[in-house]
PDB file of all heavy atoms in Angstrom:
ATOM      1  N   ARG A   1      32.085 -17.713-183.003  1.00  0.00           N
ATOM      2  CA  ARG A   1      32.913 -17.192-184.103  1.00  0.00           C
ATOM      3  C   ARG A   1      34.346 -17.799-183.860  1.00  0.00           C
ATOM      4  O   ARG A   1      34.842 -17.517-182.798  1.00  0.00           O
ATOM      5  CB  ARG A   1      32.890 -15.737-184.222  1.00  0.00           C
ATOM      6  CG  ARG A   1      33.644 -15.203-185.469  1.00  0.00           C
ATOM      7  CD  ARG A   1      33.448 -13.732-185.617  1.00  0.00           C
ATOM      8  NE  ARG A   1      33.887 -12.920-184.454  1.00  0.00           N
ATOM      9  CZ  ARG A   1      33.616 -11.682-184.232  1.00  0.00           C
ATOM     10  NH1 ARG A   1      32.925 -10.997-185.175  1.00  0.00           N
ATOM     11  NH2 ARG A   1      34.189 -11.009-183.230  1.00  0.00           N
ATOM     12  N   MET A   2      35.011 -18.373-184.811  1.00  0.00           N
ATOM     13  CA  MET A   2      36.269 -18.856-184.681  1.00  0.00           C
ATOM     14  C   MET A   2      37.314 -17.754-184.860  1.00  0.00           C
ATOM     15  O   MET A   2      37.143 -16.893-185.663  1.00  0.00           O
ATOM     16  CB  MET A   2      36.503 -20.030-185.742  1.00  0.00           C
ATOM     17  CG  MET A   2      35.507 -21.074-185.784  1.00  0.00           C
ATOM     18  SD  MET A   2      35.240 -21.894-184.077  1.00  0.00           S
ATOM     19  CE  MET A   2      36.772 -22.688-183.813  1.00  0.00           C
ATOM     20  N   GLY A   3      38.383 -17.826-184.049  1.00  0.00           N
ATOM     21  CA  GLY A   3      39.343 -16.774-184.152  1.00  0.00           C
ATOM     22  C   GLY A   3      40.197 -16.748-182.864  1.00  0.00           C
ATOM     23  O   GLY A   3      39.982 -17.434-181.931  1.00  0.00           O
ATOM     24  N   GLY A   4      41.035 -15.797-182.789  1.00  0.00           N
ATOM     25  CA  GLY A   4      41.931 -15.617-181.662  1.00  0.00           C
ATOM     26  C   GLY A   4      41.679 -14.477-180.801  1.00  0.00           C
ATOM     27  O   GLY A   4      42.410 -14.234-179.729  1.00  0.00           O
ATOM     28  N   GLY A   5      40.630 -13.708-181.151  1.00  0.00           N
ATOM     29  CA  GLY A   5      40.338 -12.496-180.352  1.00  0.00           C
ATOM     30  C   GLY A   5      39.460 -12.757-179.157  1.00  0.00           C
ATOM     31  O   GLY A   5      38.978 -13.900-178.953  1.00  0.00           O
ATOM     32  N   PRO A   6      39.122 -11.687-178.363  1.00  0.00           N
ATOM     33  CA  PRO A   6      38.237 -11.864-177.226  1.00  0.00           C
ATOM     34  C   PRO A   6      36.883 -12.350-177.549  1.00  0.00           C
ATOM     35  O   PRO A   6      36.208 -11.858-178.587  1.00  0.00           O
ATOM     36  CB  PRO A   6      38.174 -10.457-176.681  1.00  0.00           C
ATOM     37  CG  PRO A   6      39.378  -9.715-177.164  1.00  0.00           C
ATOM     38  CD  PRO A   6      39.647 -10.315-178.484  1.00  0.00           C
ATOM     39  N   GLY A   7      36.414 -13.421-176.914  1.00  0.00           N
ATOM     40  CA  GLY A   7      35.169 -13.979-177.209  1.00  0.00           C
ATOM     41  C   GLY A   7      35.049 -14.895-178.432  1.00  0.00           C
ATOM     42  O   GLY A   7      34.072 -15.485-178.677  1.00  0.00           O
ATOM     43  N   GLU A   8      36.187 -14.995-179.123  1.00  0.00           N
ATOM     44  CA  GLU A   8      36.214 -15.929-180.321  1.00  0.00           C
ATOM     45  C   GLU A   8      36.732 -17.255-179.781  1.00  0.00           C
ATOM     46  O   GLU A   8      37.476 -17.396-178.789  1.00  0.00           O
ATOM     47  CB  GLU A   8      37.098 -15.399-181.390  1.00  0.00           C
ATOM     48  CG  GLU A   8      36.553 -14.018-181.986  1.00  0.00           C
ATOM     49  CD  GLU A   8      37.481 -13.537-183.019  1.00  0.00           C
ATOM     50  OE1 GLU A   8      38.584 -13.677-183.013  1.00  0.00           O
ATOM     51  OE2 GLU A   8      36.874 -12.899-184.031  1.00  0.00           O
ATOM     52  N   LEU A   9      36.421 -18.237-180.633  1.00  0.00           N
ATOM     53  CA  LEU A   9      36.684 -19.718-180.207  1.00  0.00           C
ATOM     54  C   LEU A   9      37.867 -20.227-181.057  1.00  0.00           C
ATOM     55  O   LEU A   9      37.963 -19.934-182.297  1.00  0.00           O
ATOM     56  CB  LEU A   9      35.527 -20.576-180.358  1.00  0.00           C
ATOM     57  CG  LEU A   9      34.162 -20.123-179.906  1.00  0.00           C
ATOM     58  CD1 LEU A   9      33.040 -21.019-180.183  1.00  0.00           C
ATOM     59  CD2 LEU A   9      34.306 -19.940-178.335  1.00  0.00           C
ATOM     60  N   ARG A  10      38.771 -21.014-180.404  1.00  0.00           N
ATOM     61  CA  ARG A  10      39.929 -21.519-181.141  1.00  0.00           C
ATOM     62  C   ARG A  10      39.905 -23.084-181.164  1.00  0.00           C
ATOM     63  O   ARG A  10      39.874 -23.687-182.144  1.00  0.00           O
ATOM     64  CB  ARG A  10      41.222 -21.048-180.450  1.00  0.00           C
ATOM     65  CG  ARG A  10      41.443 -19.599-180.602  1.00  0.00           C
ATOM     66  CD  ARG A  10      42.803 -19.189-179.950  1.00  0.00           C
ATOM     67  NE  ARG A  10      43.927 -19.832-180.627  1.00  0.00           N
ATOM     68  CZ  ARG A  10      45.137 -19.701-180.304  1.00  0.00           C
ATOM     69  NH1 ARG A  10      45.432 -19.001-179.171  1.00  0.00           N
ATOM     70  NH2 ARG A  10      46.143 -20.306-180.865  1.00  0.00           N
ATOM     71  N   GLU A  11      39.805 -23.677-179.957  1.00  0.00           N
ATOM     72  CA  GLU A  11      39.844 -25.213-179.859  1.00  0.00           C
ATOM     73  C   GLU A  11      38.925 -25.522-178.732  1.00  0.00           C
ATOM     74  O   GLU A  11      39.420 -25.822-177.644  1.00  0.00           O
ATOM     75  CB  GLU A  11      41.295 -25.645-179.671  1.00  0.00           C
ATOM     76  CG  GLU A  11      41.425 -27.196-179.748  1.00  0.00           C
ATOM     77  CD  GLU A  11      42.868 -27.576-179.438  1.00  0.00           C
ATOM     78  OE1 GLU A  11      43.789 -26.786-179.605  1.00  0.00           O
ATOM     79  OE2 GLU A  11      43.002 -28.807-179.120  1.00  0.00           O
ATOM     80  N   VAL A  12      37.663 -25.668-179.047  1.00  0.00           N
ATOM     81  CA  VAL A  12      36.667 -25.955-178.019  1.00  0.00           C
ATOM     82  C   VAL A  12      36.691 -27.494-177.674  1.00  0.00           C
ATOM     83  O   VAL A  12      36.636 -28.292-178.690  1.00  0.00           O
ATOM     84  CB  VAL A  12      35.263 -25.585-178.483  1.00  0.00           C
ATOM     85  CG1 VAL A  12      34.309 -25.997-177.353  1.00  0.00           C
ATOM     86  CG2 VAL A  12      35.290 -24.014-178.652  1.00  0.00           C
ATOM     87  N   THR A  13      36.784 -27.838-176.486  1.00  0.00           N
ATOM     88  CA  THR A  13      36.740 -29.208-176.044  1.00  0.00           C
ATOM     89  C   THR A  13      35.437 -29.590-175.285  1.00  0.00           C
ATOM     90  O   THR A  13      35.026 -30.757-175.241  1.00  0.00           O
ATOM     91  CB  THR A  13      37.989 -29.635-175.160  1.00  0.00           C
ATOM     92  OG1 THR A  13      38.065 -28.776-174.043  1.00  0.00           O
ATOM     93  CG2 THR A  13      39.246 -29.433-176.001  1.00  0.00           C
ATOM     94  N   HIS A  14      34.932 -28.604-174.492  1.00  0.00           N
ATOM     95  CA  HIS A  14      33.791 -28.859-173.715  1.00  0.00           C
ATOM     96  C   HIS A  14      32.933 -27.571-173.590  1.00  0.00           C
ATOM     97  O   HIS A  14      33.380 -26.427-173.666  1.00  0.00           O
ATOM     98  CB  HIS A  14      34.115 -29.295-172.301  1.00  0.00           C
ATOM     99  CG  HIS A  14      34.894 -30.484-172.219  1.00  0.00           C
ATOM    100  ND1 HIS A  14      34.327 -31.814-172.254  1.00  0.00           N
ATOM    101  CD2 HIS A  14      36.240 -30.691-172.110  1.00  0.00           C
ATOM    102  CE1 HIS A  14      35.357 -32.741-172.144  1.00  0.00           C
ATOM    103  NE2 HIS A  14      36.441 -32.095-172.117  1.00  0.00           N
ATOM    104  N   MET A  15      31.601 -27.785-173.380  1.00  0.00           N
ATOM    105  CA  MET A  15      30.643 -26.659-173.087  1.00  0.00           C
ATOM    106  C   MET A  15      29.761 -27.170-171.999  1.00  0.00           C
ATOM    107  O   MET A  15      29.238 -28.188-171.979  1.00  0.00           O
ATOM    108  CB  MET A  15      29.770 -26.337-174.337  1.00  0.00           C
ATOM    109  CG  MET A  15      28.801 -25.231-173.982  1.00  0.00           C
ATOM    110  SD  MET A  15      27.253 -25.437-175.036  1.00  0.00           S
ATOM    111  CE  MET A  15      26.453 -26.790-174.245  1.00  0.00           C
ATOM    112  N   VAL A  16      29.620 -26.251-170.943  1.00  0.00           N
ATOM    113  CA  VAL A  16      28.657 -26.638-169.804  1.00  0.00           C
ATOM    114  C   VAL A  16      27.764 -25.357-169.612  1.00  0.00           C
ATOM    115  O   VAL A  16      28.192 -24.223-169.821  1.00  0.00           O
ATOM    116  CB  VAL A  16      29.370 -26.982-168.566  1.00  0.00           C
ATOM    117  CG1 VAL A  16      30.168 -28.348-168.685  1.00  0.00           C
ATOM    118  CG2 VAL A  16      30.367 -25.851-168.083  1.00  0.00           C
ATOM    119  N   ALA A  17      26.565 -25.635-169.177  1.00  0.00           N
ATOM    120  CA  ALA A  17      25.637 -24.525-168.944  1.00  0.00           C
ATOM    121  C   ALA A  17      25.857 -23.964-167.487  1.00  0.00           C
ATOM    122  O   ALA A  17      26.128 -24.629-166.633  1.00  0.00           O
ATOM    123  CB  ALA A  17      24.231 -24.995-169.065  1.00  0.00           C
ATOM    124  N   ARG A  18      25.686 -22.572-167.437  1.00  0.00           N
ATOM    125  CA  ARG A  18      25.663 -22.018-166.109  1.00  0.00           C
ATOM    126  C   ARG A  18      24.304 -22.046-165.587  1.00  0.00           C
ATOM    127  O   ARG A  18      23.288 -21.798-166.289  1.00  0.00           O
ATOM    128  CB  ARG A  18      26.147 -20.537-166.238  1.00  0.00           C
ATOM    129  CG  ARG A  18      27.497 -20.416-166.955  1.00  0.00           C
ATOM    130  CD  ARG A  18      27.790 -18.984-167.438  1.00  0.00           C
ATOM    131  NE  ARG A  18      27.749 -17.986-166.398  1.00  0.00           N
ATOM    132  CZ  ARG A  18      27.834 -16.636-166.593  1.00  0.00           C
ATOM    133  NH1 ARG A  18      27.712 -16.191-167.788  1.00  0.00           N
ATOM    134  NH2 ARG A  18      27.922 -15.840-165.574  1.00  0.00           N
ATOM    135  N   PRO A  19      24.106 -22.508-164.308  1.00  0.00           N
ATOM    136  CA  PRO A  19      22.765 -22.634-163.826  1.00  0.00           C
ATOM    137  C   PRO A  19      21.821 -21.413-163.979  1.00  0.00           C
ATOM    138  O   PRO A  19      20.680 -21.534-164.272  1.00  0.00           O
ATOM    139  CB  PRO A  19      22.975 -22.985-162.287  1.00  0.00           C
ATOM    140  CG  PRO A  19      24.363 -23.496-162.304  1.00  0.00           C
ATOM    141  CD  PRO A  19      25.111 -22.789-163.344  1.00  0.00           C
ATOM    142  N   GLY A  20      22.416 -20.154-163.756  1.00  0.00           N
ATOM    143  CA  GLY A  20      21.617 -19.055-163.928  1.00  0.00           C
ATOM    144  C   GLY A  20      21.463 -18.513-165.367  1.00  0.00           C
ATOM    145  O   GLY A  20      20.757 -17.528-165.631  1.00  0.00           O
ATOM    146  N   GLY A  21      22.029 -19.215-166.284  1.00  0.00           N
ATOM    147  CA  GLY A  21      21.894 -18.908-167.690  1.00  0.00           C
ATOM    148  C   GLY A  21      23.243 -18.526-168.297  1.00  0.00           C
ATOM    149  O   GLY A  21      24.095 -17.911-167.765  1.00  0.00           O
ATOM    150  N   GLY A  22      23.483 -18.991-169.607  1.00  0.00           N
ATOM    151  CA  GLY A  22      24.691 -18.867-170.250  1.00  0.00           C
ATOM    152  C   GLY A  22      25.549 -20.061-170.219  1.00  0.00           C
ATOM    153  O   GLY A  22      25.106 -21.102-169.625  1.00  0.00           O
ATOM    154  N   VAL A  23      26.741 -20.005-170.779  1.00  0.00           N
ATOM    155  CA  VAL A  23      27.632 -21.150-170.851  1.00  0.00           C
ATOM    156  C   VAL A  23      29.005 -20.811-170.470  1.00  0.00           C
ATOM    157  O   VAL A  23      29.421 -19.743-170.565  1.00  0.00           O
ATOM    158  CB  VAL A  23      27.639 -21.835-172.262  1.00  0.00           C
ATOM    159  CG1 VAL A  23      26.232 -22.401-172.617  1.00  0.00           C
ATOM    160  CG2 VAL A  23      28.110 -20.816-173.311  1.00  0.00           C
ATOM    161  N   VAL A  24      29.717 -21.886-170.149  1.00  0.00           N
ATOM    162  CA  VAL A  24      31.205 -21.790-170.047  1.00  0.00           C
ATOM    163  C   VAL A  24      31.787 -22.746-171.045  1.00  0.00           C
ATOM    164  O   VAL A  24      31.429 -23.897-171.140  1.00  0.00           O
ATOM    165  CB  VAL A  24      31.678 -22.197-168.580  1.00  0.00           C
ATOM    166  CG1 VAL A  24      33.232 -22.208-168.548  1.00  0.00           C
ATOM    167  CG2 VAL A  24      31.054 -21.369-167.467  1.00  0.00           C
ATOM    168  N   ILE A  25      32.708 -22.193-171.917  1.00  0.00           N
ATOM    169  CA  ILE A  25      33.305 -22.933-172.907  1.00  0.00           C
ATOM    170  C   ILE A  25      34.791 -23.255-172.456  1.00  0.00           C
ATOM    171  O   ILE A  25      35.449 -22.316-172.030  1.00  0.00           O
ATOM    172  CB  ILE A  25      33.486 -22.149-174.231  1.00  0.00           C
ATOM    173  CG1 ILE A  25      32.020 -21.776-174.745  1.00  0.00           C
ATOM    174  CG2 ILE A  25      34.274 -22.888-175.308  1.00  0.00           C
ATOM    175  CD1 ILE A  25      31.209 -22.890-175.240  1.00  0.00           C
ATOM    176  N   VAL A  26      35.175 -24.507-172.502  1.00  0.00           N
ATOM    177  CA  VAL A  26      36.506 -24.880-172.159  1.00  0.00           C
ATOM    178  C   VAL A  26      37.260 -24.877-173.531  1.00  0.00           C
ATOM    179  O   VAL A  26      37.030 -25.639-174.480  1.00  0.00           O
ATOM    180  CB  VAL A  26      36.598 -26.268-171.554  1.00  0.00           C
ATOM    181  CG1 VAL A  26      38.082 -26.618-171.263  1.00  0.00           C
ATOM    182  CG2 VAL A  26      35.751 -26.330-170.282  1.00  0.00           C
ATOM    183  N   ASP A  27      38.173 -23.843-173.669  1.00  0.00           N
ATOM    184  CA  ASP A  27      38.907 -23.665-174.901  1.00  0.00           C
ATOM    185  C   ASP A  27      40.336 -23.998-174.728  1.00  0.00           C
ATOM    186  O   ASP A  27      41.119 -23.186-174.115  1.00  0.00           O
ATOM    187  CB  ASP A  27      38.629 -22.227-175.401  1.00  0.00           C
ATOM    188  CG  ASP A  27      39.072 -21.986-176.817  1.00  0.00           C
ATOM    189  OD1 ASP A  27      40.230 -22.500-177.172  1.00  0.00           O
ATOM    190  OD2 ASP A  27      38.249 -21.478-177.663  1.00  0.00           O
ATOM    191  N   GLU A  28      40.822 -25.156-175.268  1.00  0.00           N
ATOM    192  CA  GLU A  28      42.145 -25.508-175.150  1.00  0.00           C
ATOM    193  C   GLU A  28      43.133 -24.555-175.913  1.00  0.00           C
ATOM    194  O   GLU A  28      44.316 -24.408-175.595  1.00  0.00           O
ATOM    195  CB  GLU A  28      42.425 -26.961-175.580  1.00  0.00           C
ATOM    196  CG  GLU A  28      41.727 -27.958-174.716  1.00  0.00           C
ATOM    197  CD  GLU A  28      42.490 -28.157-173.411  1.00  0.00           C
ATOM    198  OE1 GLU A  28      43.616 -27.707-173.262  1.00  0.00           O
ATOM    199  OE2 GLU A  28      41.901 -28.776-172.505  1.00  0.00           O
ATOM    200  N   GLY A  29      42.671 -24.004-177.059  1.00  0.00           N
ATOM    201  CA  GLY A  29      43.453 -23.096-177.824  1.00  0.00           C
ATOM    202  C   GLY A  29      43.787 -21.792-177.062  1.00  0.00           C
ATOM    203  O   GLY A  29      44.935 -21.351-177.079  1.00  0.00           O
TER     204      GLY A  29
END
């Protein structure tokens, strides 16, 4: 979900998977 709050996305540049499950989003915003 786009936005400025916790867990919301602003300016995503990369996504990588966590080996145990889940993702890390690199958010420049």
